[in-house]
Amino acid sequence: MFSVLGEVPLLTINLGNIHLVLYLSQVMYLLVAVVVSLVTEFIVGWRSPLSIIGAIVAALVGIWIVTSVVTLIIPGDLVLYGIPLFKALIGAIFFAALWYLLTSRIWYRRRPYKQGPITV
């Protein structure tokens, strides 16, 4: 029996000895990462390496580090489907910003203005 806001499996795939399960908390992690990545892409202007995929991966790594690796206690943190939302947002925003700061030299190059011959 599952609690109301506990781990609820959405999809279960069994292939021989391989069992894959997609939980609602994993979908929530992905949703937070996508929202933060879209906002940072709009701020930066869609010019980063690996574009939205790189930002989502950076946000997912940030969520994982802040919620699972680092012990960060925020009193009154809203927990939805097993995910502390404020901690997840802090980790996603921090690592998405770090991704853009580390890769900004790759994508921020001014291209010289070339004027071709004028034809009439």
N, C-alpha and C. Protein backbone atom coordinates (compact mmCIF):
# COMPACT_ATOMS: atom_id res chain seq x y z
N MET A 1 0.83 -1.17 0.00
CA MET A 1 0.00 0.00 0.00
C MET A 1 0.88 1.23 0.00
N PHE A 2 0.51 2.24 -0.80
CA PHE A 2 1.28 3.46 -0.93
C PHE A 2 0.59 4.58 -0.17
N SER A 3 1.40 5.46 0.40
CA SER A 3 0.82 6.63 1.03
C SER A 3 0.40 7.62 -0.05
N VAL A 4 -0.34 8.63 0.34
CA VAL A 4 -0.88 9.57 -0.63
C VAL A 4 0.22 10.30 -1.38
N LEU A 5 1.25 10.75 -0.70
CA LEU A 5 2.33 11.48 -1.34
C LEU A 5 3.65 10.71 -1.28
N GLY A 6 3.60 9.38 -1.32
CA GLY A 6 4.80 8.56 -1.27
C GLY A 6 5.26 8.16 -2.66
N GLU A 7 6.06 7.13 -2.72
CA GLU A 7 6.57 6.63 -3.98
C GLU A 7 5.48 5.86 -4.71
N VAL A 8 5.04 6.40 -5.82
CA VAL A 8 3.99 5.78 -6.62
C VAL A 8 4.59 5.41 -7.97
N PRO A 9 4.64 4.10 -8.28
CA PRO A 9 5.19 3.73 -9.59
C PRO A 9 4.21 4.08 -10.70
N LEU A 10 4.72 4.76 -11.71
CA LEU A 10 3.88 5.12 -12.85
C LEU A 10 3.97 4.08 -13.96
N LEU A 11 5.16 3.54 -14.15
CA LEU A 11 5.40 2.63 -15.26
C LEU A 11 6.34 1.53 -14.80
N THR A 12 6.00 0.29 -15.10
CA THR A 12 6.84 -0.84 -14.77
C THR A 12 7.05 -1.67 -16.03
N ILE A 13 8.32 -1.92 -16.35
CA ILE A 13 8.67 -2.71 -17.52
C ILE A 13 9.51 -3.88 -17.07
N ASN A 14 9.12 -5.08 -17.42
CA ASN A 14 9.86 -6.28 -17.09
C ASN A 14 10.32 -6.95 -18.38
N LEU A 15 11.64 -7.03 -18.55
CA LEU A 15 12.23 -7.68 -19.71
C LEU A 15 13.17 -8.77 -19.20
N GLY A 16 12.66 -9.97 -19.05
CA GLY A 16 13.48 -11.07 -18.53
C GLY A 16 13.86 -10.78 -17.09
N ASN A 17 15.16 -10.65 -16.83
CA ASN A 17 15.65 -10.36 -15.48
C ASN A 17 15.82 -8.88 -15.22
N ILE A 18 15.47 -8.05 -16.18
CA ILE A 18 15.61 -6.60 -16.05
C ILE A 18 14.26 -6.00 -15.70
N HIS A 19 14.22 -5.25 -14.61
CA HIS A 19 12.98 -4.61 -14.16
C HIS A 19 13.22 -3.10 -14.11
N LEU A 20 12.49 -2.36 -14.91
CA LEU A 20 12.59 -0.91 -14.94
C LEU A 20 11.31 -0.32 -14.38
N VAL A 21 11.46 0.63 -13.46
CA VAL A 21 10.31 1.26 -12.83
C VAL A 21 10.51 2.77 -12.88
N LEU A 22 9.50 3.48 -13.31
CA LEU A 22 9.51 4.94 -13.32
C LEU A 22 8.57 5.42 -12.22
N TYR A 23 9.16 6.11 -11.22
CA TYR A 23 8.38 6.59 -10.09
C TYR A 23 7.96 8.04 -10.30
N LEU A 24 6.96 8.44 -9.55
CA LEU A 24 6.46 9.79 -9.64
C LEU A 24 7.50 10.80 -9.15
N SER A 25 8.33 10.41 -8.19
CA SER A 25 9.38 11.32 -7.72
C SER A 25 10.40 11.58 -8.82
N GLN A 26 10.71 10.59 -9.65
CA GLN A 26 11.63 10.80 -10.77
C GLN A 26 11.05 11.77 -11.78
N VAL A 27 9.75 11.67 -12.01
CA VAL A 27 9.09 12.60 -12.92
C VAL A 27 9.12 14.01 -12.34
N MET A 28 8.96 14.13 -11.03
CA MET A 28 9.01 15.45 -10.40
C MET A 28 10.42 16.05 -10.48
N TYR A 29 11.46 15.23 -10.28
CA TYR A 29 12.84 15.70 -10.46
C TYR A 29 13.02 16.24 -11.88
N LEU A 30 12.57 15.49 -12.85
CA LEU A 30 12.71 15.89 -14.24
C LEU A 30 11.92 17.16 -14.54
N LEU A 31 10.73 17.28 -13.97
CA LEU A 31 9.91 18.47 -14.17
C LEU A 31 10.58 19.72 -13.60
N VAL A 32 11.15 19.62 -12.41
CA VAL A 32 11.86 20.76 -11.81
C VAL A 32 13.06 21.13 -12.67
N ALA A 33 13.80 20.13 -13.14
CA ALA A 33 14.98 20.40 -13.97
C ALA A 33 14.60 21.04 -15.29
N VAL A 34 13.51 20.61 -15.90
CA VAL A 34 13.08 21.18 -17.18
C VAL A 34 12.63 22.63 -17.00
N VAL A 35 11.89 22.91 -15.95
CA VAL A 35 11.42 24.29 -15.71
C VAL A 35 12.60 25.22 -15.47
N VAL A 36 13.54 24.81 -14.61
CA VAL A 36 14.71 25.65 -14.34
C VAL A 36 15.54 25.82 -15.61
N SER A 37 15.70 24.77 -16.39
CA SER A 37 16.48 24.84 -17.62
C SER A 37 15.84 25.76 -18.65
N LEU A 38 14.53 25.71 -18.78
CA LEU A 38 13.86 26.60 -19.72
C LEU A 38 14.02 28.06 -19.32
N VAL A 39 13.90 28.33 -18.03
CA VAL A 39 14.06 29.71 -17.57
C VAL A 39 15.49 30.19 -17.82
N THR A 40 16.48 29.37 -17.53
CA THR A 40 17.85 29.80 -17.76
C THR A 40 18.17 29.91 -19.25
N GLU A 41 17.58 29.07 -20.08
CA GLU A 41 17.78 29.21 -21.53
C GLU A 41 17.17 30.50 -22.05
N PHE A 42 16.02 30.89 -21.54
CA PHE A 42 15.43 32.16 -21.96
C PHE A 42 16.28 33.34 -21.53
N ILE A 43 16.90 33.24 -20.34
CA ILE A 43 17.75 34.32 -19.86
C ILE A 43 19.02 34.40 -20.70
N VAL A 44 19.65 33.26 -20.97
CA VAL A 44 20.91 33.24 -21.71
C VAL A 44 20.69 33.47 -23.19
N GLY A 45 19.63 32.97 -23.74
CA GLY A 45 19.35 33.19 -25.14
C GLY A 45 19.59 32.00 -26.04
N TRP A 46 19.49 30.79 -25.54
CA TRP A 46 19.56 29.57 -26.35
C TRP A 46 20.89 29.42 -27.07
N ARG A 47 21.99 29.85 -26.47
CA ARG A 47 23.28 29.78 -27.14
C ARG A 47 24.29 28.88 -26.45
N SER A 48 23.91 28.15 -25.47
CA SER A 48 24.88 27.36 -24.72
C SER A 48 25.17 26.03 -25.42
N PRO A 49 26.32 25.42 -25.10
CA PRO A 49 26.61 24.12 -25.70
C PRO A 49 25.63 23.07 -25.18
N LEU A 50 25.23 22.20 -26.04
CA LEU A 50 24.23 21.16 -25.78
C LEU A 50 22.86 21.75 -25.45
N SER A 51 22.71 23.03 -25.55
CA SER A 51 21.46 23.76 -25.40
C SER A 51 20.65 23.28 -24.21
N ILE A 52 19.42 22.91 -24.43
CA ILE A 52 18.50 22.58 -23.34
C ILE A 52 18.87 21.26 -22.67
N ILE A 53 19.43 20.33 -23.43
CA ILE A 53 19.80 19.03 -22.86
C ILE A 53 20.92 19.20 -21.83
N GLY A 54 21.92 20.00 -22.14
CA GLY A 54 23.00 20.26 -21.18
C GLY A 54 22.50 20.94 -19.93
N ALA A 55 21.56 21.86 -20.09
CA ALA A 55 21.00 22.56 -18.93
C ALA A 55 20.17 21.61 -18.06
N ILE A 56 19.43 20.71 -18.68
CA ILE A 56 18.63 19.74 -17.92
C ILE A 56 19.54 18.79 -17.16
N VAL A 57 20.60 18.31 -17.80
CA VAL A 57 21.53 17.41 -17.12
C VAL A 57 22.21 18.12 -15.95
N ALA A 58 22.63 19.37 -16.15
CA ALA A 58 23.25 20.14 -15.08
C ALA A 58 22.27 20.35 -13.93
N ALA A 59 21.02 20.63 -14.24
CA ALA A 59 20.00 20.83 -13.20
C ALA A 59 19.73 19.53 -12.45
N LEU A 60 19.69 18.40 -13.17
CA LEU A 60 19.47 17.11 -12.50
C LEU A 60 20.63 16.77 -11.58
N VAL A 61 21.85 17.04 -12.01
CA VAL A 61 23.01 16.80 -11.15
C VAL A 61 22.93 17.70 -9.91
N GLY A 62 22.54 18.95 -10.09
CA GLY A 62 22.39 19.86 -8.97
C GLY A 62 21.32 19.41 -7.99
N ILE A 63 20.21 18.94 -8.50
CA ILE A 63 19.14 18.43 -7.63
C ILE A 63 19.64 17.23 -6.84
N TRP A 64 20.32 16.33 -7.51
CA TRP A 64 20.82 15.13 -6.84
C TRP A 64 21.83 15.48 -5.75
N ILE A 65 22.75 16.40 -6.05
CA ILE A 65 23.78 16.75 -5.07
C ILE A 65 23.17 17.45 -3.86
N VAL A 66 22.26 18.38 -4.08
CA VAL A 66 21.70 19.14 -2.95
C VAL A 66 20.72 18.31 -2.14
N THR A 67 19.97 17.41 -2.76
CA THR A 67 18.98 16.64 -2.00
C THR A 67 19.54 15.35 -1.42
N SER A 68 20.56 14.76 -2.05
CA SER A 68 21.03 13.45 -1.59
C SER A 68 22.44 13.46 -1.01
N VAL A 69 23.34 14.24 -1.54
CA VAL A 69 24.74 14.19 -1.13
C VAL A 69 25.01 15.17 0.01
N VAL A 70 24.64 16.42 -0.17
CA VAL A 70 24.89 17.46 0.83
C VAL A 70 23.73 17.48 1.83
N THR A 71 24.06 17.54 3.11
CA THR A 71 23.04 17.62 4.14
C THR A 71 22.66 19.09 4.32
N LEU A 72 21.55 19.46 3.72
CA LEU A 72 21.05 20.83 3.80
C LEU A 72 19.64 20.76 4.39
N ILE A 73 19.45 21.43 5.52
CA ILE A 73 18.15 21.39 6.19
C ILE A 73 17.51 22.76 6.07
N ILE A 74 16.35 22.78 5.42
CA ILE A 74 15.58 24.01 5.28
C ILE A 74 14.29 23.82 6.06
N PRO A 75 14.09 24.56 7.14
CA PRO A 75 12.86 24.39 7.90
C PRO A 75 11.65 24.86 7.10
N GLY A 76 10.62 24.07 7.14
CA GLY A 76 9.40 24.42 6.42
C GLY A 76 9.46 24.11 4.94
N ASP A 77 10.42 23.28 4.52
CA ASP A 77 10.56 22.94 3.11
C ASP A 77 9.37 22.09 2.66
N LEU A 78 8.78 22.47 1.57
CA LEU A 78 7.63 21.76 1.03
C LEU A 78 8.08 20.46 0.38
N VAL A 79 7.56 19.34 0.84
CA VAL A 79 7.92 18.03 0.30
C VAL A 79 6.74 17.52 -0.51
N LEU A 80 6.97 17.30 -1.80
CA LEU A 80 5.92 16.84 -2.69
C LEU A 80 6.41 15.58 -3.39
N TYR A 81 5.72 14.47 -3.18
CA TYR A 81 6.08 13.17 -3.75
C TYR A 81 7.50 12.77 -3.39
N GLY A 82 7.89 13.04 -2.17
CA GLY A 82 9.20 12.64 -1.68
C GLY A 82 10.33 13.58 -2.07
N ILE A 83 10.02 14.72 -2.66
CA ILE A 83 11.05 15.66 -3.10
C ILE A 83 10.92 16.96 -2.31
N PRO A 84 11.98 17.38 -1.62
CA PRO A 84 11.95 18.70 -1.00
C PRO A 84 12.13 19.76 -2.09
N LEU A 85 11.09 20.51 -2.36
CA LEU A 85 11.07 21.40 -3.52
C LEU A 85 12.07 22.55 -3.45
N PHE A 86 12.20 23.19 -2.28
CA PHE A 86 13.13 24.32 -2.19
C PHE A 86 14.57 23.87 -2.37
N LYS A 87 14.92 22.74 -1.77
CA LYS A 87 16.27 22.21 -1.95
C LYS A 87 16.50 21.83 -3.40
N ALA A 88 15.51 21.24 -4.05
CA ALA A 88 15.65 20.86 -5.46
C ALA A 88 15.82 22.10 -6.33
N LEU A 89 15.04 23.14 -6.06
CA LEU A 89 15.17 24.37 -6.84
C LEU A 89 16.52 25.04 -6.62
N ILE A 90 17.00 25.06 -5.39
CA ILE A 90 18.31 25.66 -5.11
C ILE A 90 19.41 24.92 -5.86
N GLY A 91 19.38 23.60 -5.81
CA GLY A 91 20.40 22.82 -6.50
C GLY A 91 20.33 22.97 -8.01
N ALA A 92 19.13 22.96 -8.56
CA ALA A 92 18.97 23.08 -10.01
C ALA A 92 19.41 24.45 -10.49
N ILE A 93 19.02 25.51 -9.79
CA ILE A 93 19.40 26.86 -10.20
C ILE A 93 20.91 27.05 -10.08
N PHE A 94 21.50 26.58 -8.99
CA PHE A 94 22.93 26.76 -8.79
C PHE A 94 23.74 26.04 -9.86
N PHE A 95 23.40 24.79 -10.15
CA PHE A 95 24.19 24.05 -11.12
C PHE A 95 23.90 24.46 -12.56
N ALA A 96 22.69 24.91 -12.86
CA ALA A 96 22.43 25.43 -14.21
C ALA A 96 23.22 26.72 -14.43
N ALA A 97 23.28 27.58 -13.40
CA ALA A 97 24.07 28.81 -13.52
C ALA A 97 25.56 28.48 -13.62
N LEU A 98 26.01 27.50 -12.86
CA LEU A 98 27.40 27.07 -12.93
C LEU A 98 27.73 26.51 -14.31
N TRP A 99 26.81 25.78 -14.92
CA TRP A 99 26.98 25.24 -16.27
C TRP A 99 27.20 26.38 -17.27
N TYR A 100 26.40 27.41 -17.18
CA TYR A 100 26.55 28.53 -18.11
C TYR A 100 27.81 29.33 -17.84
N LEU A 101 28.20 29.48 -16.59
CA LEU A 101 29.43 30.21 -16.30
C LEU A 101 30.66 29.46 -16.80
N LEU A 102 30.65 28.13 -16.66
CA LEU A 102 31.80 27.36 -17.10
C LEU A 102 31.89 27.23 -18.62
N THR A 103 30.76 27.27 -19.31
CA THR A 103 30.77 27.08 -20.76
C THR A 103 30.56 28.38 -21.53
N SER A 104 30.57 29.51 -20.86
CA SER A 104 30.27 30.76 -21.56
C SER A 104 31.36 31.14 -22.55
N ARG A 105 32.60 30.76 -22.31
CA ARG A 105 33.68 31.07 -23.25
C ARG A 105 33.53 30.29 -24.55
N ILE A 106 32.88 29.16 -24.50
CA ILE A 106 32.70 28.35 -25.71
C ILE A 106 31.68 28.99 -26.64
N TRP A 107 30.58 29.44 -26.09
CA TRP A 107 29.49 29.93 -26.95
C TRP A 107 29.46 31.43 -27.10
N TYR A 108 30.23 32.18 -26.32
CA TYR A 108 30.18 33.63 -26.44
C TYR A 108 31.40 34.13 -27.19
N ARG A 109 31.30 34.11 -28.48
CA ARG A 109 32.35 34.67 -29.33
C ARG A 109 31.70 35.69 -30.24
N ARG A 110 32.26 36.84 -30.27
CA ARG A 110 31.72 37.86 -31.17
C ARG A 110 32.19 37.56 -32.58
N ARG A 111 31.27 37.49 -33.44
CA ARG A 111 31.61 37.26 -34.83
C ARG A 111 31.77 38.61 -35.54
N PRO A 112 32.84 38.76 -36.29
CA PRO A 112 33.06 40.05 -36.95
C PRO A 112 31.99 40.30 -38.02
N TYR A 113 31.65 41.54 -38.12
CA TYR A 113 30.65 41.94 -39.12
C TYR A 113 31.33 42.02 -40.47
N LYS A 114 30.85 41.22 -41.39
CA LYS A 114 31.42 41.22 -42.75
C LYS A 114 30.41 41.82 -43.69
N GLN A 115 30.84 42.84 -44.37
CA GLN A 115 29.96 43.48 -45.32
C GLN A 115 30.39 43.06 -46.72
N GLY A 116 29.48 42.50 -47.44
CA GLY A 116 29.79 42.06 -48.79
C GLY A 116 29.66 43.21 -49.79
N PRO A 117 29.96 42.91 -51.03
CA PRO A 117 29.84 43.97 -52.04
C PRO A 117 28.39 44.39 -52.23
N ILE A 118 28.20 45.66 -52.47
CA ILE A 118 26.86 46.21 -52.66
C ILE A 118 26.49 46.05 -54.12
N THR A 119 25.39 45.40 -54.37
CA THR A 119 24.90 45.22 -55.74
C THR A 119 23.64 46.04 -55.94
N VAL A 120 23.54 46.65 -57.06
CA VAL A 120 22.38 47.50 -57.35
C VAL A 120 21.55 46.89 -58.42
